[in-house]
Amino acid sequence: MFYFYIFLAVIIQFLVALAQVILKIGARQIDFKKSIYYNLKNKFLVISVFLFILDPILSIITMRVMDFSNFYSFTALGYFFIMLFSWLILKEDIDRRKIIGNLLVIVGVLIFNL
């Protein structure tokens, strides 16, 4: 059962990174010349706000079982997921330093939690 909460901690970081990338996409579509109501209908902004609300709920559920230091170490995975989504969704370039840095982050998370 504890492995479920480890999985949930990874999923939380996945959702946070996804929400951030979706928020960036939505922010690009904001038109300040139009009404606030028009901008609130932006589906990307709505989805990102929903994910940002879901994250603390899932975090509370997870932290009831996991030690906070272990849970918090998973937040470093956000760097990896942001890099992945930036490459897949935003079509940003990834260089060798980013890959090496993210591999070190993943290794660090694994070592810390063993």
Protein backbone atom coordinates (compact mmCIF):
# COMPACT_ATOMS: atom_id res chain seq x y z
CA MET A 1 0.00 0.00 0.00
CA PHE A 2 2.91 2.36 0.69
CA TYR A 3 4.00 2.00 -2.93
CA PHE A 4 0.64 3.44 -3.97
CA TYR A 5 1.49 6.64 -2.07
CA ILE A 6 4.93 6.79 -3.68
CA PHE A 7 3.19 6.47 -7.04
CA LEU A 8 0.74 9.17 -5.98
CA ALA A 9 3.60 11.50 -4.99
CA VAL A 10 5.08 11.09 -8.49
CA ILE A 11 1.67 11.67 -10.09
CA ILE A 12 1.27 14.87 -8.05
CA GLN A 13 4.51 16.24 -9.45
CA PHE A 14 3.45 15.16 -12.92
CA LEU A 15 0.17 17.08 -12.54
CA VAL A 16 1.88 20.18 -11.14
CA ALA A 17 4.29 20.30 -14.08
CA LEU A 18 1.45 19.71 -16.52
CA ALA A 19 -0.58 22.50 -14.90
CA GLN A 20 2.35 24.90 -15.24
CA VAL A 21 2.82 24.14 -18.93
CA ILE A 22 -0.92 24.40 -19.61
CA LEU A 23 -0.96 27.71 -17.73
CA LYS A 24 1.81 29.00 -20.02
CA ILE A 25 -0.22 28.00 -23.07
CA GLY A 26 -3.29 29.71 -21.63
CA ALA A 27 -1.34 32.83 -20.73
CA ARG A 28 -0.21 33.17 -24.33
CA GLN A 29 -3.87 33.33 -25.37
CA ILE A 30 -4.94 36.06 -22.96
CA ASP A 31 -6.17 39.15 -24.75
CA PHE A 32 -5.98 42.20 -22.49
CA LYS A 33 -8.08 44.21 -24.92
CA LYS A 34 -11.09 41.98 -24.29
CA SER A 35 -13.19 41.59 -21.17
CA ILE A 36 -12.16 39.50 -18.20
CA TYR A 37 -15.15 37.24 -18.85
CA TYR A 38 -13.76 36.44 -22.30
CA ASN A 39 -10.39 35.52 -20.81
CA LEU A 40 -11.97 33.39 -18.08
CA LYS A 41 -13.44 31.17 -20.78
CA ASN A 42 -9.91 30.20 -21.80
CA LYS A 43 -9.98 26.39 -21.48
CA PHE A 44 -6.26 26.17 -20.78
CA LEU A 45 -6.54 28.53 -17.83
CA VAL A 46 -9.53 26.62 -16.46
CA ILE A 47 -7.75 23.27 -16.74
CA SER A 48 -4.59 24.61 -15.09
CA VAL A 49 -6.56 26.14 -12.20
CA PHE A 50 -8.37 22.82 -11.71
CA LEU A 51 -5.05 20.95 -11.60
CA PHE A 52 -3.60 23.52 -9.17
CA ILE A 53 -6.62 22.94 -6.89
CA LEU A 54 -6.39 19.15 -7.20
CA ASP A 55 -2.69 19.11 -6.27
CA PRO A 56 -3.01 20.16 -2.60
CA ILE A 57 -5.88 17.73 -2.09
CA LEU A 58 -3.80 14.82 -3.37
CA SER A 59 -0.78 16.11 -1.42
CA ILE A 60 -2.73 16.10 1.84
CA ILE A 61 -3.89 12.54 1.20
CA THR A 62 -0.31 11.45 0.47
CA MET A 63 1.32 13.30 3.37
CA ARG A 64 -1.00 11.59 5.84
CA VAL A 65 0.91 8.39 5.11
CA MET A 66 4.39 9.46 3.94
CA ASP A 67 7.01 11.31 5.95
CA PHE A 68 7.18 14.91 4.86
CA SER A 69 10.89 14.73 4.04
CA ASN A 70 10.27 11.79 1.71
CA PHE A 71 7.27 13.43 0.10
CA TYR A 72 9.11 16.70 -0.36
CA SER A 73 12.01 14.99 -2.12
CA PHE A 74 9.60 14.05 -4.92
CA THR A 75 9.07 17.73 -5.72
CA ALA A 76 12.47 17.64 -7.43
CA LEU A 77 10.88 15.44 -10.10
CA GLY A 78 9.00 18.53 -11.22
CA TYR A 79 12.18 19.67 -13.00
CA PHE A 80 12.18 16.48 -15.05
CA PHE A 81 8.50 16.70 -15.91
CA ILE A 82 8.79 20.39 -16.85
CA MET A 83 11.67 19.57 -19.19
CA LEU A 84 9.70 16.70 -20.70
CA PHE A 85 6.52 18.75 -21.24
CA SER A 86 8.49 21.73 -22.54
CA TRP A 87 10.00 19.47 -25.14
CA LEU A 88 6.83 17.53 -26.03
CA ILE A 89 4.18 20.24 -25.81
CA LEU A 90 5.96 23.57 -26.19
CA LYS A 91 8.56 22.23 -28.66
CA GLU A 92 11.44 23.75 -26.73
CA ASP A 93 14.98 22.53 -27.28
CA ILE A 94 16.72 20.27 -24.79
CA ASP A 95 20.48 20.25 -24.61
CA ARG A 96 22.89 17.78 -23.05
CA ARG A 97 23.27 19.80 -19.82
CA LYS A 98 19.51 19.70 -19.17
CA ILE A 99 19.41 15.96 -19.71
CA ILE A 100 22.39 15.33 -17.43
CA GLY A 101 20.99 17.66 -14.78
CA ASN A 102 17.61 15.95 -14.81
CA LEU A 103 19.19 12.51 -14.65
CA LEU A 104 21.09 13.67 -11.56
CA VAL A 105 17.82 14.90 -10.04
CA ILE A 106 16.17 11.52 -10.64
CA VAL A 107 19.16 9.66 -9.18
CA GLY A 108 19.09 12.00 -6.17
CA VAL A 109 15.41 11.31 -5.54
CA LEU A 110 16.00 7.57 -5.80
CA ILE A 111 18.99 7.63 -3.46
CA PHE A 112 17.20 9.81 -0.92
CA ASN A 113 14.19 7.51 -0.79
CA LEU A 114 16.01 4.16 -0.58
